[in-house]
Amino acid sequence: MSSADDGKAALADQDQADPAQGSIAPADQVEASPADRDHSALIVLVGAAGSGKSTYARRHYRAIQVYSLDTLRAVASDDECDQDATADAVALMLTIVDMRLSRRLTTVVDATNGVPEERAHLIAIATRHAVPAVAVVLDTDLQVCLARQDERPGPKLGQRWGRAVPASVVQNQHARMRASIATLRAEGFAQVHLLSGPARADQLRGSGEHR
């Protein structure tokens, strides 16, 4: 079975545990990281809806390097909010990551990436192509993530989903992100960067959208 087949549902589920930072680089080292800028790498963003993943990716990487699960849902279904298209979007994501890393091209995965099972498929591809995997955790305050959903549109007439993510889902994603901090090194990431607190705000200052 291919990596794409194995991972079709991989970016949907989440789990919980207490966070522990361990040997994690502070946010002010993210831009200076060789794996982020000067060498090819797989950059895996980890964070809840509204944490600023897309904003961070847009500010620090070229558009051609960034692949969003929302965008790939739209590729599969003409609707970035269509949750029924998630499995196909994940398959597309894994295929794109595999093709790009085979050419040693830096690739950014913009999705919640909240549990080890989600990340394992990505790490396996990076390992196969001898490209380092780097995790960037966006530890945005839960209340901020929830407030940003209020600014997003709900479902359009006749549609089941809108851009606003339900509060219970955001809360679950946030808990999974916090739990992930303790395990990322052991999962095989070459570098882990945690963006939180004042440094987190500095990274995203002046941006209008926070995915």
N, C-alpha and C. Protein backbone atom coordinates (compact mmCIF):
# COMPACT_ATOMS: atom_id res chain seq x y z
N MET A 1 0.84 -1.19 0.00
CA MET A 1 0.00 0.00 0.00
C MET A 1 0.87 1.24 0.00
N SER A 2 0.49 2.28 -0.76
CA SER A 2 1.29 3.49 -0.87
C SER A 2 1.13 4.36 0.35
N SER A 3 2.05 5.34 0.51
CA SER A 3 1.95 6.29 1.61
C SER A 3 0.65 7.07 1.52
N ALA A 4 0.22 7.41 0.30
CA ALA A 4 -1.02 8.15 0.13
C ALA A 4 -2.21 7.33 0.60
N ASP A 5 -2.25 6.03 0.26
CA ASP A 5 -3.35 5.17 0.69
C ASP A 5 -3.35 5.03 2.20
N ASP A 6 -2.16 4.83 2.78
CA ASP A 6 -2.06 4.64 4.22
C ASP A 6 -2.55 5.87 4.98
N GLY A 7 -2.37 7.06 4.39
CA GLY A 7 -2.64 8.26 5.13
C GLY A 7 -3.92 8.97 4.79
N LYS A 8 -4.85 8.34 4.09
CA LYS A 8 -6.03 9.05 3.60
C LYS A 8 -6.86 9.67 4.72
N ALA A 9 -6.85 9.03 5.91
CA ALA A 9 -7.60 9.61 7.02
C ALA A 9 -6.69 10.15 8.09
N ALA A 10 -5.42 10.32 7.78
CA ALA A 10 -4.43 10.58 8.83
C ALA A 10 -4.53 11.95 9.45
N LEU A 11 -5.06 12.95 8.75
CA LEU A 11 -5.07 14.31 9.28
C LEU A 11 -6.42 14.67 9.89
N ALA A 12 -7.16 13.67 10.41
CA ALA A 12 -8.47 13.96 10.95
C ALA A 12 -8.56 13.80 12.47
N ASP A 13 -7.90 12.78 13.07
CA ASP A 13 -8.09 12.46 14.47
C ASP A 13 -7.04 13.12 15.35
N GLN A 14 -7.30 13.19 16.70
CA GLN A 14 -6.41 13.84 17.65
C GLN A 14 -6.39 13.08 18.98
N ASP A 15 -5.36 13.35 19.90
CA ASP A 15 -5.26 12.69 21.20
C ASP A 15 -4.77 13.67 22.25
N GLN A 16 -4.68 13.25 23.57
CA GLN A 16 -4.36 14.18 24.65
C GLN A 16 -3.28 13.64 25.57
N ALA A 17 -2.51 14.58 26.22
CA ALA A 17 -1.53 14.28 27.26
C ALA A 17 -1.02 15.59 27.79
N ASP A 18 -0.22 15.57 28.87
CA ASP A 18 0.35 16.79 29.41
C ASP A 18 1.55 17.21 28.58
N PRO A 19 1.70 18.52 28.26
CA PRO A 19 2.84 18.96 27.47
C PRO A 19 4.12 18.99 28.28
N ALA A 20 5.24 18.70 27.59
CA ALA A 20 6.56 18.85 28.20
C ALA A 20 7.50 19.32 27.12
N GLN A 21 8.20 20.41 27.32
CA GLN A 21 8.93 21.02 26.23
C GLN A 21 10.21 20.29 25.88
N GLY A 22 10.90 19.70 26.84
CA GLY A 22 12.12 18.98 26.52
C GLY A 22 13.13 19.84 25.81
N SER A 23 13.82 19.28 24.82
CA SER A 23 14.87 19.99 24.10
C SER A 23 14.28 20.66 22.86
N ILE A 24 13.50 21.71 23.07
CA ILE A 24 12.82 22.40 21.98
C ILE A 24 13.43 23.78 21.83
N ALA A 25 13.71 24.16 20.59
CA ALA A 25 14.31 25.46 20.33
C ALA A 25 13.28 26.56 20.53
N PRO A 26 13.68 27.70 21.11
CA PRO A 26 12.74 28.81 21.27
C PRO A 26 12.39 29.43 19.94
N ALA A 27 11.31 30.21 19.96
CA ALA A 27 10.79 30.77 18.71
C ALA A 27 11.78 31.69 18.02
N ASP A 28 12.64 32.37 18.81
CA ASP A 28 13.53 33.33 18.17
C ASP A 28 14.63 32.66 17.36
N GLN A 29 14.70 31.32 17.38
CA GLN A 29 15.68 30.61 16.58
C GLN A 29 15.10 30.08 15.27
N VAL A 30 13.81 30.24 15.08
CA VAL A 30 13.16 29.62 13.92
C VAL A 30 13.74 30.16 12.61
N GLU A 31 13.85 31.47 12.49
CA GLU A 31 14.31 32.03 11.22
C GLU A 31 15.78 31.73 10.98
N ALA A 32 16.56 31.50 12.07
CA ALA A 32 17.99 31.25 11.91
C ALA A 32 18.31 29.79 11.64
N SER A 33 17.30 28.93 11.70
CA SER A 33 17.53 27.50 11.55
C SER A 33 17.98 27.15 10.14
N PRO A 34 19.14 26.48 9.98
CA PRO A 34 19.60 26.10 8.64
C PRO A 34 18.58 25.25 7.89
N ALA A 35 17.92 24.36 8.61
CA ALA A 35 16.97 23.47 7.94
C ALA A 35 15.77 24.24 7.43
N ASP A 36 15.47 25.39 8.03
CA ASP A 36 14.32 26.16 7.59
C ASP A 36 14.59 26.92 6.30
N ARG A 37 15.80 27.43 6.13
CA ARG A 37 16.04 28.35 5.04
C ARG A 37 17.09 27.88 4.02
N ASP A 38 18.24 27.44 4.49
CA ASP A 38 19.37 27.23 3.60
C ASP A 38 19.46 25.83 3.02
N HIS A 39 18.74 24.88 3.59
CA HIS A 39 18.79 23.49 3.14
C HIS A 39 17.37 22.97 2.95
N SER A 40 17.23 21.94 2.14
CA SER A 40 15.91 21.36 1.94
C SER A 40 15.42 20.72 3.23
N ALA A 41 14.13 20.84 3.47
CA ALA A 41 13.54 20.28 4.69
C ALA A 41 12.05 20.09 4.48
N LEU A 42 11.48 19.19 5.28
CA LEU A 42 10.04 19.07 5.40
C LEU A 42 9.63 19.84 6.64
N ILE A 43 8.86 20.90 6.47
CA ILE A 43 8.41 21.72 7.59
C ILE A 43 6.97 21.33 7.90
N VAL A 44 6.73 20.80 9.09
CA VAL A 44 5.40 20.35 9.50
C VAL A 44 4.87 21.32 10.55
N LEU A 45 3.84 22.08 10.18
CA LEU A 45 3.21 23.00 11.13
C LEU A 45 2.25 22.23 12.02
N VAL A 46 2.26 22.55 13.30
CA VAL A 46 1.39 21.88 14.28
C VAL A 46 0.63 22.96 15.04
N GLY A 47 -0.71 22.95 14.97
CA GLY A 47 -1.48 23.95 15.69
C GLY A 47 -2.96 23.84 15.40
N ALA A 48 -3.75 24.39 16.30
CA ALA A 48 -5.20 24.36 16.16
C ALA A 48 -5.66 25.32 15.07
N ALA A 49 -6.90 25.18 14.66
CA ALA A 49 -7.50 26.15 13.74
C ALA A 49 -7.46 27.53 14.41
N GLY A 50 -7.03 28.54 13.66
CA GLY A 50 -6.94 29.88 14.20
C GLY A 50 -5.63 30.18 14.91
N SER A 51 -4.68 29.26 14.89
CA SER A 51 -3.41 29.48 15.59
C SER A 51 -2.43 30.31 14.77
N GLY A 52 -2.70 30.48 13.48
CA GLY A 52 -1.83 31.29 12.64
C GLY A 52 -0.89 30.50 11.75
N LYS A 53 -1.21 29.24 11.47
CA LYS A 53 -0.33 28.39 10.67
C LYS A 53 -0.13 28.96 9.27
N SER A 54 -1.23 29.29 8.61
CA SER A 54 -1.13 29.80 7.23
C SER A 54 -0.44 31.15 7.19
N THR A 55 -0.69 31.98 8.20
CA THR A 55 -0.03 33.28 8.27
C THR A 55 1.48 33.10 8.43
N TYR A 56 1.88 32.21 9.32
CA TYR A 56 3.29 31.94 9.52
C TYR A 56 3.93 31.43 8.23
N ALA A 57 3.28 30.47 7.59
CA ALA A 57 3.84 29.90 6.36
C ALA A 57 3.97 30.96 5.27
N ARG A 58 2.97 31.81 5.14
CA ARG A 58 2.99 32.84 4.11
C ARG A 58 4.11 33.85 4.36
N ARG A 59 4.39 34.15 5.62
CA ARG A 59 5.41 35.14 5.95
C ARG A 59 6.83 34.62 5.80
N HIS A 60 7.01 33.30 5.92
CA HIS A 60 8.37 32.76 5.99
C HIS A 60 8.77 31.88 4.81
N TYR A 61 7.82 31.53 3.95
CA TYR A 61 8.14 30.62 2.84
C TYR A 61 7.48 31.12 1.55
N ARG A 62 8.03 30.69 0.43
CA ARG A 62 7.44 31.02 -0.86
C ARG A 62 6.15 30.23 -1.05
N ALA A 63 5.21 30.81 -1.77
CA ALA A 63 3.90 30.18 -1.93
C ALA A 63 4.02 28.77 -2.52
N ILE A 64 4.96 28.57 -3.43
CA ILE A 64 5.10 27.27 -4.07
C ILE A 64 5.61 26.20 -3.12
N GLN A 65 6.13 26.61 -1.96
CA GLN A 65 6.64 25.66 -0.97
C GLN A 65 5.58 25.21 0.02
N VAL A 66 4.44 25.89 0.06
CA VAL A 66 3.43 25.67 1.11
C VAL A 66 2.22 24.93 0.54
N TYR A 67 1.82 23.85 1.24
CA TYR A 67 0.68 23.05 0.80
C TYR A 67 -0.29 22.90 1.97
N SER A 68 -1.47 23.49 1.78
CA SER A 68 -2.49 23.54 2.82
C SER A 68 -3.54 22.47 2.58
N LEU A 69 -3.97 21.82 3.66
CA LEU A 69 -5.02 20.82 3.52
C LEU A 69 -6.32 21.47 3.05
N ASP A 70 -6.58 22.71 3.47
CA ASP A 70 -7.77 23.41 2.99
C ASP A 70 -7.73 23.57 1.48
N THR A 71 -6.59 24.00 0.96
CA THR A 71 -6.45 24.20 -0.48
C THR A 71 -6.64 22.89 -1.23
N LEU A 72 -6.10 21.81 -0.68
CA LEU A 72 -6.22 20.52 -1.36
C LEU A 72 -7.63 19.96 -1.27
N ARG A 73 -8.38 20.32 -0.22
CA ARG A 73 -9.81 19.98 -0.22
C ARG A 73 -10.51 20.68 -1.38
N ALA A 74 -10.13 21.92 -1.61
CA ALA A 74 -10.72 22.66 -2.73
C ALA A 74 -10.34 22.04 -4.06
N VAL A 75 -9.11 21.56 -4.19
CA VAL A 75 -8.68 20.88 -5.41
C VAL A 75 -9.55 19.65 -5.65
N ALA A 76 -9.86 18.93 -4.58
CA ALA A 76 -10.61 17.68 -4.70
C ALA A 76 -12.11 17.89 -4.87
N SER A 77 -12.63 19.04 -4.37
CA SER A 77 -14.08 19.18 -4.31
C SER A 77 -14.62 20.55 -4.69
N ASP A 78 -13.75 21.50 -5.04
CA ASP A 78 -14.16 22.89 -5.28
C ASP A 78 -14.63 23.60 -4.01
N ASP A 79 -14.34 23.04 -2.82
CA ASP A 79 -14.77 23.65 -1.57
C ASP A 79 -13.74 23.32 -0.48
N GLU A 80 -12.98 24.35 -0.04
CA GLU A 80 -11.94 24.10 0.96
C GLU A 80 -12.50 23.67 2.32
N CYS A 81 -13.80 23.87 2.53
CA CYS A 81 -14.43 23.51 3.80
C CYS A 81 -15.06 22.12 3.79
N ASP A 82 -15.06 21.46 2.65
CA ASP A 82 -15.76 20.18 2.49
C ASP A 82 -15.01 19.07 3.22
N GLN A 83 -15.50 18.72 4.42
CA GLN A 83 -14.82 17.71 5.22
C GLN A 83 -14.91 16.31 4.58
N ASP A 84 -15.90 16.11 3.73
CA ASP A 84 -15.99 14.83 3.03
C ASP A 84 -14.82 14.62 2.06
N ALA A 85 -14.13 15.69 1.71
CA ALA A 85 -12.99 15.61 0.79
C ALA A 85 -11.66 15.47 1.52
N THR A 86 -11.69 15.35 2.85
CA THR A 86 -10.44 15.31 3.62
C THR A 86 -9.55 14.14 3.23
N ALA A 87 -10.13 12.96 3.09
CA ALA A 87 -9.32 11.79 2.76
C ALA A 87 -8.60 11.97 1.42
N ASP A 88 -9.30 12.50 0.43
CA ASP A 88 -8.68 12.75 -0.87
C ASP A 88 -7.62 13.84 -0.76
N ALA A 89 -7.89 14.86 0.07
CA ALA A 89 -6.92 15.93 0.26
C ALA A 89 -5.65 15.41 0.91
N VAL A 90 -5.79 14.52 1.87
CA VAL A 90 -4.61 13.93 2.52
C VAL A 90 -3.81 13.10 1.52
N ALA A 91 -4.51 12.34 0.69
CA ALA A 91 -3.81 11.55 -0.33
C ALA A 91 -3.01 12.46 -1.27
N LEU A 92 -3.62 13.57 -1.67
CA LEU A 92 -2.92 14.54 -2.51
C LEU A 92 -1.71 15.12 -1.77
N MET A 93 -1.89 15.46 -0.50
CA MET A 93 -0.80 16.03 0.29
C MET A 93 0.39 15.08 0.34
N LEU A 94 0.14 13.83 0.67
CA LEU A 94 1.23 12.87 0.79
C LEU A 94 1.93 12.64 -0.56
N THR A 95 1.15 12.65 -1.63
CA THR A 95 1.74 12.49 -2.96
C THR A 95 2.64 13.68 -3.30
N ILE A 96 2.16 14.88 -3.03
CA ILE A 96 2.94 16.09 -3.30
C ILE A 96 4.22 16.10 -2.47
N VAL A 97 4.10 15.79 -1.19
CA VAL A 97 5.27 15.77 -0.31
C VAL A 97 6.30 14.77 -0.84
N ASP A 98 5.82 13.59 -1.23
CA ASP A 98 6.73 12.56 -1.74
C ASP A 98 7.45 13.03 -3.00
N MET A 99 6.72 13.62 -3.93
CA MET A 99 7.33 14.08 -5.19
C MET A 99 8.34 15.19 -4.93
N ARG A 100 7.98 16.14 -4.07
CA ARG A 100 8.87 17.27 -3.83
C ARG A 100 10.13 16.85 -3.06
N LEU A 101 9.96 16.02 -2.05
CA LEU A 101 11.13 15.60 -1.28
C LEU A 101 12.05 14.70 -2.10
N SER A 102 11.49 13.99 -3.07
CA SER A 102 12.35 13.18 -3.95
C SER A 102 13.29 14.07 -4.75
N ARG A 103 12.91 15.34 -4.91
CA ARG A 103 13.74 16.34 -5.60
C ARG A 103 14.44 17.26 -4.60
N ARG A 104 14.33 16.92 -3.31
CA ARG A 104 14.96 17.67 -2.23
C ARG A 104 14.53 19.14 -2.24
N LEU A 105 13.22 19.35 -2.38
CA LEU A 105 12.64 20.68 -2.37
C LEU A 105 11.97 20.93 -1.02
N THR A 106 12.30 22.03 -0.38
CA THR A 106 11.66 22.36 0.89
C THR A 106 10.15 22.42 0.71
N THR A 107 9.44 21.77 1.63
CA THR A 107 7.99 21.64 1.52
C THR A 107 7.37 21.88 2.89
N VAL A 108 6.36 22.74 2.94
CA VAL A 108 5.68 23.09 4.18
C VAL A 108 4.29 22.47 4.18
N VAL A 109 3.98 21.71 5.23
CA VAL A 109 2.66 21.09 5.36
C VAL A 109 1.83 21.91 6.33
N ASP A 110 0.82 22.59 5.80
CA ASP A 110 -0.05 23.46 6.56
C ASP A 110 -1.35 22.73 6.88
N ALA A 111 -1.36 22.10 8.06
CA ALA A 111 -2.54 21.37 8.55
C ALA A 111 -2.42 21.32 10.07
N THR A 112 -3.42 20.82 10.76
CA THR A 112 -3.34 20.78 12.22
C THR A 112 -2.27 19.81 12.71
N ASN A 113 -2.09 18.69 12.01
CA ASN A 113 -1.01 17.73 12.32
C ASN A 113 -0.94 17.43 13.81
N GLY A 114 -2.08 17.06 14.39
CA GLY A 114 -2.19 17.01 15.84
C GLY A 114 -1.81 15.74 16.56
N VAL A 115 -1.66 14.62 15.87
CA VAL A 115 -1.34 13.37 16.56
C VAL A 115 -0.20 12.65 15.85
N PRO A 116 0.49 11.76 16.56
CA PRO A 116 1.63 11.06 15.94
C PRO A 116 1.27 10.33 14.66
N GLU A 117 0.07 9.74 14.60
CA GLU A 117 -0.31 9.00 13.39
C GLU A 117 -0.34 9.91 12.17
N GLU A 118 -0.76 11.14 12.35
CA GLU A 118 -0.77 12.10 11.24
C GLU A 118 0.66 12.36 10.77
N ARG A 119 1.52 12.59 11.74
CA ARG A 119 2.89 13.01 11.43
C ARG A 119 3.76 11.85 10.96
N ALA A 120 3.44 10.63 11.36
CA ALA A 120 4.29 9.48 11.03
C ALA A 120 4.41 9.28 9.53
N HIS A 121 3.33 9.47 8.79
CA HIS A 121 3.38 9.30 7.33
C HIS A 121 4.33 10.33 6.71
N LEU A 122 4.29 11.56 7.23
CA LEU A 122 5.16 12.61 6.71
C LEU A 122 6.62 12.34 7.05
N ILE A 123 6.88 11.93 8.29
CA ILE A 123 8.25 11.62 8.71
C ILE A 123 8.80 10.46 7.89
N ALA A 124 7.96 9.47 7.61
CA ALA A 124 8.42 8.31 6.82
C ALA A 124 8.86 8.74 5.43
N ILE A 125 8.11 9.66 4.82
CA ILE A 125 8.50 10.14 3.50
C ILE A 125 9.81 10.91 3.57
N ALA A 126 9.94 11.78 4.57
CA ALA A 126 11.18 12.54 4.73
C ALA A 126 12.37 11.61 4.96
N THR A 127 12.18 10.59 5.77
CA THR A 127 13.26 9.63 6.04
C THR A 127 13.66 8.89 4.78
N ARG A 128 12.67 8.49 3.98
CA ARG A 128 12.96 7.75 2.75
C ARG A 128 13.81 8.57 1.79
N HIS A 129 13.60 9.88 1.80
CA HIS A 129 14.35 10.74 0.88
C HIS A 129 15.53 11.44 1.56
N ALA A 130 15.82 11.05 2.80
CA ALA A 130 16.96 11.62 3.55
C ALA A 130 16.88 13.14 3.64
N VAL A 131 15.66 13.64 3.89
CA VAL A 131 15.42 15.06 4.09
C VAL A 131 14.98 15.26 5.54
N PRO A 132 15.57 16.21 6.27
CA PRO A 132 15.19 16.40 7.67
C PRO A 132 13.77 16.91 7.81
N ALA A 133 13.07 16.40 8.82
CA ALA A 133 11.73 16.88 9.14
C ALA A 133 11.83 17.84 10.32
N VAL A 134 11.21 19.01 10.17
CA VAL A 134 11.24 20.06 11.19
C VAL A 134 9.81 20.36 11.61
N ALA A 135 9.53 20.31 12.90
CA ALA A 135 8.21 20.65 13.42
C ALA A 135 8.21 22.08 13.93
N VAL A 136 7.20 22.85 13.54
CA VAL A 136 7.00 24.20 14.06
C VAL A 136 5.64 24.20 14.75
N VAL A 137 5.65 24.31 16.07
CA VAL A 137 4.44 24.24 16.88
C VAL A 137 3.95 25.67 17.17
N LEU A 138 2.73 25.97 16.77
CA LEU A 138 2.15 27.29 17.01
C LEU A 138 1.23 27.21 18.22
N ASP A 139 1.79 27.52 19.38
CA ASP A 139 1.08 27.40 20.65
C ASP A 139 0.36 28.72 20.96
N THR A 140 -0.61 29.03 20.14
CA THR A 140 -1.43 30.23 20.32
C THR A 140 -2.46 29.97 21.42
N ASP A 141 -2.73 30.98 22.24
CA ASP A 141 -3.69 30.84 23.32
C ASP A 141 -5.03 30.32 22.80
N LEU A 142 -5.63 29.40 23.53
CA LEU A 142 -6.89 28.80 23.09
C LEU A 142 -7.97 29.85 22.87
N GLN A 143 -8.06 30.82 23.76
CA GLN A 143 -9.11 31.83 23.62
C GLN A 143 -8.93 32.65 22.34
N VAL A 144 -7.69 32.87 21.93
CA VAL A 144 -7.43 33.57 20.68
C VAL A 144 -7.92 32.73 19.49
N CYS A 145 -7.59 31.45 19.52
CA CYS A 145 -8.03 30.55 18.44
C CYS A 145 -9.56 30.54 18.34
N LEU A 146 -10.23 30.48 19.50
CA LEU A 146 -11.69 30.45 19.51
C LEU A 146 -12.27 31.77 18.99
N ALA A 147 -11.68 32.88 19.42
CA ALA A 147 -12.18 34.19 18.99
C ALA A 147 -12.06 34.36 17.48
N ARG A 148 -11.02 33.82 16.90
CA ARG A 148 -10.82 33.95 15.45
C ARG A 148 -11.89 33.20 14.67
N GLN A 149 -12.49 32.18 15.27
CA GLN A 149 -13.56 31.46 14.57
C GLN A 149 -14.80 32.35 14.44
N ASP A 150 -14.99 33.26 15.41
CA ASP A 150 -16.13 34.17 15.34
C ASP A 150 -16.03 35.14 14.17
N GLU A 151 -14.80 35.35 13.69
CA GLU A 151 -14.57 36.27 12.58
C GLU A 151 -14.73 35.59 11.22
N ARG A 152 -14.90 34.27 11.25
CA ARG A 152 -14.96 33.51 9.99
C ARG A 152 -16.40 33.20 9.61
N PRO A 153 -16.68 33.10 8.32
CA PRO A 153 -18.05 32.82 7.88
C PRO A 153 -18.47 31.39 8.17
N GLY A 154 -19.74 31.21 8.48
CA GLY A 154 -20.31 29.88 8.63
C GLY A 154 -20.67 29.30 7.27
N PRO A 155 -21.42 28.22 7.24
CA PRO A 155 -21.78 27.59 5.97
C PRO A 155 -22.63 28.50 5.09
N LYS A 156 -22.37 28.45 3.80
CA LYS A 156 -23.22 29.16 2.84
C LYS A 156 -24.53 28.40 2.67
N LEU A 157 -25.51 29.06 2.13
CA LEU A 157 -26.81 28.44 1.93
C LEU A 157 -26.68 27.16 1.13
N GLY A 158 -27.20 26.08 1.68
CA GLY A 158 -27.16 24.80 0.99
C GLY A 158 -25.90 24.00 1.21
N GLN A 159 -24.94 24.54 2.01
CA GLN A 159 -23.70 23.82 2.28
C GLN A 159 -23.65 23.40 3.75
N ARG A 160 -22.90 22.33 4.01
CA ARG A 160 -22.85 21.79 5.37
C ARG A 160 -21.78 22.46 6.22
N TRP A 161 -20.71 22.99 5.57
CA TRP A 161 -19.58 23.50 6.32
C TRP A 161 -19.24 24.92 5.88
N GLY A 162 -18.69 25.68 6.83
CA GLY A 162 -18.12 26.98 6.53
C GLY A 162 -16.70 27.03 7.06
N ARG A 163 -16.08 28.21 7.03
CA ARG A 163 -14.70 28.34 7.48
C ARG A 163 -14.59 28.35 8.99
N ALA A 164 -15.66 28.75 9.69
CA ALA A 164 -15.63 28.73 11.15
C ALA A 164 -15.62 27.29 11.65
N VAL A 165 -14.66 26.98 12.52
CA VAL A 165 -14.54 25.63 13.09
C VAL A 165 -15.27 25.61 14.44
N PRO A 166 -16.09 24.60 14.71
CA PRO A 166 -16.81 24.55 15.99
C PRO A 166 -15.86 24.62 17.19
N ALA A 167 -16.33 25.25 18.27
CA ALA A 167 -15.49 25.45 19.45
C ALA A 167 -14.97 24.13 20.01
N SER A 168 -15.81 23.11 20.03
CA SER A 168 -15.37 21.82 20.60
C SER A 168 -14.22 21.22 19.78
N VAL A 169 -14.26 21.43 18.48
CA VAL A 169 -13.19 20.91 17.62
C VAL A 169 -11.89 21.68 17.87
N VAL A 170 -12.00 23.01 17.98
CA VAL A 170 -10.81 23.82 18.25
C VAL A 170 -10.20 23.46 19.60
N GLN A 171 -11.03 23.26 20.60
CA GLN A 171 -10.54 22.88 21.92
C GLN A 171 -9.79 21.55 21.87
N ASN A 172 -10.35 20.61 21.11
CA ASN A 172 -9.70 19.30 20.97
C ASN A 172 -8.38 19.44 20.23
N GLN A 173 -8.36 20.21 19.15
CA GLN A 173 -7.12 20.42 18.40
C GLN A 173 -6.06 21.07 19.27
N HIS A 174 -6.46 22.02 20.09
CA HIS A 174 -5.50 22.72 20.96
C HIS A 174 -4.90 21.77 21.99
N ALA A 175 -5.73 20.92 22.57
CA ALA A 175 -5.23 19.93 23.52
C ALA A 175 -4.25 18.97 22.86
N ARG A 176 -4.55 18.57 21.63
CA ARG A 176 -3.66 17.66 20.91
C ARG A 176 -2.33 18.33 20.61
N MET A 177 -2.39 19.61 20.22
CA MET A 177 -1.15 20.34 19.97
C MET A 177 -0.28 20.36 21.21
N ARG A 178 -0.88 20.68 22.36
CA ARG A 178 -0.11 20.73 23.60
C ARG A 178 0.48 19.36 23.94
N ALA A 179 -0.31 18.31 23.74
CA ALA A 179 0.18 16.96 24.00
C ALA A 179 1.33 16.58 23.09
N SER A 180 1.33 17.10 21.86
CA SER A 180 2.34 16.75 20.88
C SER A 180 3.73 17.24 21.27
N ILE A 181 3.79 18.33 22.01
CA ILE A 181 5.09 18.93 22.34
C ILE A 181 6.02 17.92 23.01
N ALA A 182 5.45 17.04 23.80
CA ALA A 182 6.26 16.08 24.55
C ALA A 182 6.81 14.96 23.70
N THR A 183 6.25 14.74 22.51
CA THR A 183 6.60 13.54 21.75
C THR A 183 7.33 13.79 20.44
N LEU A 184 7.41 15.04 20.00
CA LEU A 184 7.89 15.32 18.65
C LEU A 184 9.31 14.86 18.41
N ARG A 185 10.20 15.08 19.36
CA ARG A 185 11.59 14.64 19.19
C ARG A 185 11.66 13.13 19.02
N ALA A 186 10.94 12.42 19.87
CA ALA A 186 10.98 10.95 19.82
C ALA A 186 10.36 10.42 18.54
N GLU A 187 9.47 11.17 17.94
CA GLU A 187 8.84 10.72 16.70
C GLU A 187 9.79 10.76 15.51
N GLY A 188 10.86 11.53 15.61
CA GLY A 188 11.83 11.56 14.53
C GLY A 188 12.08 12.91 13.90
N PHE A 189 11.53 13.97 14.48
CA PHE A 189 11.80 15.30 13.95
C PHE A 189 13.23 15.71 14.29
N ALA A 190 13.94 16.21 13.28
CA ALA A 190 15.33 16.63 13.49
C ALA A 190 15.40 17.90 14.32
N GLN A 191 14.40 18.76 14.17
CA GLN A 191 14.30 20.00 14.93
C GLN A 191 12.86 20.23 15.32
N VAL A 192 12.67 20.85 16.49
CA VAL A 192 11.34 21.23 16.96
C VAL A 192 11.41 22.68 17.42
N HIS A 193 10.51 23.52 16.90
CA HIS A 193 10.47 24.93 17.28
C HIS A 193 9.10 25.24 17.87
N LEU A 194 9.08 25.84 19.03
CA LEU A 194 7.85 26.18 19.72
C LEU A 194 7.64 27.69 19.67
N LEU A 195 6.54 28.12 19.05
CA LEU A 195 6.21 29.54 18.97
C LEU A 195 5.06 29.82 19.93
N SER A 196 5.35 30.57 21.00
CA SER A 196 4.33 30.90 21.98
C SER A 196 4.69 32.18 22.69
N GLY A 197 3.75 32.75 23.44
CA GLY A 197 4.01 33.94 24.23
C GLY A 197 4.34 35.14 23.36
N PRO A 198 5.14 36.09 23.90
CA PRO A 198 5.46 37.32 23.16
C PRO A 198 6.14 37.06 21.82
N ALA A 199 7.05 36.07 21.79
CA ALA A 199 7.74 35.76 20.52
C ALA A 199 6.74 35.30 19.47
N ARG A 200 5.70 34.59 19.90
CA ARG A 200 4.66 34.13 18.98
C ARG A 200 3.95 35.34 18.35
N ALA A 201 3.62 36.32 19.17
CA ALA A 201 2.93 37.50 18.66
C ALA A 201 3.84 38.27 17.68
N ASP A 202 5.13 38.36 17.99
CA ASP A 202 6.06 39.06 17.11
C ASP A 202 6.14 38.41 15.75
N GLN A 203 6.08 37.07 15.71
CA GLN A 203 6.19 36.35 14.44
C GLN A 203 5.04 36.71 13.50
N LEU A 204 3.84 37.02 14.07
CA LEU A 204 2.65 37.18 13.24
C LEU A 204 2.14 38.62 13.21
N ARG A 205 2.88 39.54 13.83
CA ARG A 205 2.41 40.92 13.93
C ARG A 205 2.19 41.51 12.53
N GLY A 206 1.06 42.17 12.38
CA GLY A 206 0.78 42.87 11.12
C GLY A 206 0.04 42.03 10.11
N SER A 207 -0.23 40.76 10.42
CA SER A 207 -0.95 39.91 9.46
C SER A 207 -2.45 40.02 9.68
N GLY A 208 -3.19 39.88 8.61
CA GLY A 208 -4.64 40.01 8.71
C GLY A 208 -5.38 38.71 8.85
N GLU A 209 -4.76 37.57 8.56
CA GLU A 209 -5.47 36.30 8.58
C GLU A 209 -4.66 35.32 9.43
N HIS A 210 -5.41 34.48 10.18
CA HIS A 210 -4.73 33.57 11.11
C HIS A 210 -5.38 32.20 11.01
N ARG A 211 -4.79 31.31 10.23
CA ARG A 211 -5.39 29.99 10.07
C ARG A 211 -4.75 28.99 11.02
